Amino acid sequence: SPGAAATNPVSAPGLTPGAAAVNPAPAPGPTPAMSGPNGEPNVTAGLEEEEVMPEEEYAALNLMLDQINSCLDNLEEKNDTLNAKLHELLESNRQVRMEFRQQQIDATAPTDSQDRST
């Protein structure tokens, strides 16, 4: 009967009779190049044979890549500058600490020798 067909689950090839299909049957049309991770039938891999990327899109992509490359070069230059300044700061800090230690040694050395002489 027509009403019974509407309530019965859709069967798929390879399933036991009466078992419901997880995905509905694909829409009529060309066979997809590849199915998706969940079996979606309309997922294609890459560009179709008749699809060609227009020259304007290549030019736009090329411009974006040039801008990204320029930004990365700028970041690399800033990173190198910061790295050099950090090394200068560390070396200066080492020098100051050595001078401070030497001053502490010089300041305590005469008192130790004076204490020994008395």
C-alpha atoms as a PDB file:
ATOM      1  CA  SER A   1       0.000   0.000   0.000  1.00  0.00           C
ATOM      2  CA  PRO A   2       1.196   3.584  -0.587  1.00  0.00           C
ATOM      3  CA  GLY A   3       1.077   4.506   3.130  1.00  0.00           C
ATOM      4  CA  ALA A   4       3.203   1.528   4.123  1.00  0.00           C
ATOM      5  CA  ALA A   5       5.971   2.478   1.685  1.00  0.00           C
ATOM      6  CA  ALA A   6       6.305   5.904   3.308  1.00  0.00           C
ATOM      7  CA  THR A   7       6.803   4.444   6.803  1.00  0.00           C
ATOM      8  CA  ASN A   8       9.234   1.671   5.842  1.00  0.00           C
ATOM      9  CA  PRO A   9      12.926   2.532   6.229  1.00  0.00           C
ATOM     10  CA  VAL A  10      14.971   2.985   3.088  1.00  0.00           C
ATOM     11  CA  SER A  11      16.904  -0.122   2.159  1.00  0.00           C
ATOM     12  CA  ALA A  12      20.398   0.003   0.758  1.00  0.00           C
ATOM     13  CA  PRO A  13      22.220  -2.607  -1.302  1.00  0.00           C
ATOM     14  CA  GLY A  14      24.183  -5.025   0.851  1.00  0.00           C
ATOM     15  CA  LEU A  15      21.884  -4.645   3.892  1.00  0.00           C
ATOM     16  CA  THR A  16      19.611  -7.339   5.117  1.00  0.00           C
ATOM     17  CA  PRO A  17      16.010  -6.900   4.029  1.00  0.00           C
ATOM     18  CA  GLY A  18      14.222  -4.420   6.274  1.00  0.00           C
ATOM     19  CA  ALA A  19      17.437  -2.839   7.582  1.00  0.00           C
ATOM     20  CA  ALA A  20      17.584   0.941   7.357  1.00  0.00           C
ATOM     21  CA  ALA A  21      20.336   2.645   5.379  1.00  0.00           C
ATOM     22  CA  VAL A  22      22.539   5.036   7.352  1.00  0.00           C
ATOM     23  CA  ASN A  23      22.975   7.422   4.405  1.00  0.00           C
ATOM     24  CA  PRO A  24      20.261   8.025   1.824  1.00  0.00           C
ATOM     25  CA  ALA A  25      20.940   6.983  -1.752  1.00  0.00           C
ATOM     26  CA  PRO A  26      23.099   9.475  -3.654  1.00  0.00           C
ATOM     27  CA  ALA A  27      21.428  11.940  -5.947  1.00  0.00           C
ATOM     28  CA  PRO A  28      21.454  10.953  -9.595  1.00  0.00           C
ATOM     29  CA  GLY A  29      24.405  12.339 -11.506  1.00  0.00           C
ATOM     30  CA  PRO A  30      28.044  11.625 -12.215  1.00  0.00           C
ATOM     31  CA  THR A  31      29.881   9.198  -9.987  1.00  0.00           C
ATOM     32  CA  PRO A  32      31.824  11.110  -7.318  1.00  0.00           C
ATOM     33  CA  ALA A  33      35.608  10.972  -7.477  1.00  0.00           C
ATOM     34  CA  MET A  34      35.823  10.108  -3.804  1.00  0.00           C
ATOM     35  CA  SER A  35      33.482   9.692  -0.868  1.00  0.00           C
ATOM     36  CA  GLY A  36      33.929  11.618   2.372  1.00  0.00           C
ATOM     37  CA  PRO A  37      34.898  10.160   5.754  1.00  0.00           C
ATOM     38  CA  ASN A  38      31.292   9.387   6.611  1.00  0.00           C
ATOM     39  CA  GLY A  39      30.395   8.115   3.165  1.00  0.00           C
ATOM     40  CA  GLU A  40      29.010  11.409   1.842  1.00  0.00           C
ATOM     41  CA  PRO A  41      28.703  10.851  -1.889  1.00  0.00           C
ATOM     42  CA  ASN A  42      29.199  14.427  -3.113  1.00  0.00           C
ATOM     43  CA  VAL A  43      32.771  14.999  -1.859  1.00  0.00           C
ATOM     44  CA  THR A  44      35.270  15.358  -4.689  1.00  0.00           C
ATOM     45  CA  ALA A  45      39.048  15.336  -4.547  1.00  0.00           C
ATOM     46  CA  GLY A  46      40.545  18.539  -5.950  1.00  0.00           C
ATOM     47  CA  LEU A  47      39.416  20.286  -9.092  1.00  0.00           C
ATOM     48  CA  GLU A  48      37.328  18.550 -11.704  1.00  0.00           C
ATOM     49  CA  GLU A  49      38.901  18.088 -15.133  1.00  0.00           C
ATOM     50  CA  GLU A  50      36.832  20.871 -16.681  1.00  0.00           C
ATOM     51  CA  GLU A  51      37.473  23.264 -13.764  1.00  0.00           C
ATOM     52  CA  VAL A  52      40.544  25.439 -14.255  1.00  0.00           C
ATOM     53  CA  MET A  53      41.666  28.070 -11.770  1.00  0.00           C
ATOM     54  CA  PRO A  54      41.371  31.487 -13.432  1.00  0.00           C
ATOM     55  CA  GLU A  55      44.509  33.592 -13.918  1.00  0.00           C
ATOM     56  CA  GLU A  56      43.109  36.261 -11.571  1.00  0.00           C
ATOM     57  CA  GLU A  57      42.926  33.721  -8.738  1.00  0.00           C
ATOM     58  CA  TYR A  58      46.547  32.700  -9.343  1.00  0.00           C
ATOM     59  CA  ALA A  59      47.566  36.359  -9.291  1.00  0.00           C
ATOM     60  CA  ALA A  60      45.611  36.976  -6.065  1.00  0.00           C
ATOM     61  CA  LEU A  61      47.128  33.903  -4.407  1.00  0.00           C
ATOM     62  CA  ASN A  62      50.580  34.937  -5.569  1.00  0.00           C
ATOM     63  CA  LEU A  63      50.072  38.423  -4.110  1.00  0.00           C
ATOM     64  CA  MET A  64      48.893  36.975  -0.785  1.00  0.00           C
ATOM     65  CA  LEU A  65      51.891  34.633  -0.655  1.00  0.00           C
ATOM     66  CA  ASP A  66      54.222  37.562  -1.382  1.00  0.00           C
ATOM     67  CA  GLN A  67      52.638  39.542   1.452  1.00  0.00           C
ATOM     68  CA  ILE A  68      52.938  36.595   3.833  1.00  0.00           C
ATOM     69  CA  ASN A  69      56.566  36.120   2.808  1.00  0.00           C
ATOM     70  CA  SER A  70      57.256  39.810   3.407  1.00  0.00           C
ATOM     71  CA  CYS A  71      55.643  39.623   6.859  1.00  0.00           C
ATOM     72  CA  LEU A  72      57.675  36.541   7.734  1.00  0.00           C
ATOM     73  CA  ASP A  73      60.887  38.254   6.596  1.00  0.00           C
ATOM     74  CA  ASN A  74      60.007  41.248   8.764  1.00  0.00           C
ATOM     75  CA  LEU A  75      59.313  39.006  11.766  1.00  0.00           C
ATOM     76  CA  GLU A  76      62.578  37.151  11.221  1.00  0.00           C
ATOM     77  CA  GLU A  77      64.497  40.433  11.125  1.00  0.00           C
ATOM     78  CA  LYS A  78      62.822  41.635  14.336  1.00  0.00           C
ATOM     79  CA  ASN A  79      63.522  38.282  15.984  1.00  0.00           C
ATOM     80  CA  ASP A  80      67.198  38.501  15.022  1.00  0.00           C
ATOM     81  CA  THR A  81      67.397  42.067  16.374  1.00  0.00           C
ATOM     82  CA  LEU A  82      65.732  41.089  19.659  1.00  0.00           C
ATOM     83  CA  ASN A  83      67.985  38.053  19.960  1.00  0.00           C
ATOM     84  CA  ALA A  84      71.105  40.216  19.482  1.00  0.00           C
ATOM     85  CA  LYS A  85      69.853  42.742  22.086  1.00  0.00           C
ATOM     86  CA  LEU A  86      69.121  39.913  24.512  1.00  0.00           C
ATOM     87  CA  HIS A  87      72.655  38.552  24.129  1.00  0.00           C
ATOM     88  CA  GLU A  88      74.055  42.060  24.733  1.00  0.00           C
ATOM     89  CA  LEU A  89      71.886  42.401  27.849  1.00  0.00           C
ATOM     90  CA  LEU A  90      72.964  39.004  29.176  1.00  0.00           C
ATOM     91  CA  GLU A  91      76.625  39.792  28.614  1.00  0.00           C
ATOM     92  CA  SER A  92      76.212  43.187  30.299  1.00  0.00           C
ATOM     93  CA  ASN A  93      74.442  41.512  33.226  1.00  0.00           C
ATOM     94  CA  ARG A  94      77.298  39.003  33.589  1.00  0.00           C
ATOM     95  CA  GLN A  95      79.829  41.827  33.567  1.00  0.00           C
ATOM     96  CA  VAL A  96      77.926  43.815  36.222  1.00  0.00           C
ATOM     97  CA  ARG A  97      77.594  40.731  38.444  1.00  0.00           C
ATOM     98  CA  MET A  98      81.318  40.001  38.167  1.00  0.00           C
ATOM     99  CA  GLU A  99      82.151  43.619  39.059  1.00  0.00           C
ATOM    100  CA  PHE A 100      79.711  43.527  41.982  1.00  0.00           C
ATOM    101  CA  ARG A 101      81.243  40.299  43.313  1.00  0.00           C
ATOM    102  CA  GLN A 102      84.705  41.741  42.964  1.00  0.00           C
ATOM    103  CA  GLN A 103      83.628  44.852  44.894  1.00  0.00           C
ATOM    104  CA  GLN A 104      82.187  42.629  47.645  1.00  0.00           C
ATOM    105  CA  ILE A 105      85.423  40.654  47.812  1.00  0.00           C
ATOM    106  CA  ASP A 106      87.503  43.852  47.889  1.00  0.00           C
ATOM    107  CA  ALA A 107      85.247  45.378  50.567  1.00  0.00           C
ATOM    108  CA  THR A 108      85.414  42.334  52.855  1.00  0.00           C
ATOM    109  CA  ALA A 109      89.082  41.471  52.278  1.00  0.00           C
ATOM    110  CA  PRO A 110      90.592  44.489  54.160  1.00  0.00           C
ATOM    111  CA  THR A 111      88.241  43.990  57.112  1.00  0.00           C
ATOM    112  CA  ASP A 112      89.268  40.346  57.365  1.00  0.00           C
ATOM    113  CA  SER A 113      92.960  41.262  57.342  1.00  0.00           C
ATOM    114  CA  GLN A 114      92.381  44.080  59.853  1.00  0.00           C
ATOM    115  CA  ASP A 115      90.519  41.686  62.153  1.00  0.00           C
ATOM    116  CA  ARG A 116      93.436  39.256  61.984  1.00  0.00           C
ATOM    117  CA  SER A 117      96.015  41.939  62.837  1.00  0.00           C
ATOM    118  CA  THR A 118      94.322  43.024  66.046  1.00  0.00           C
END
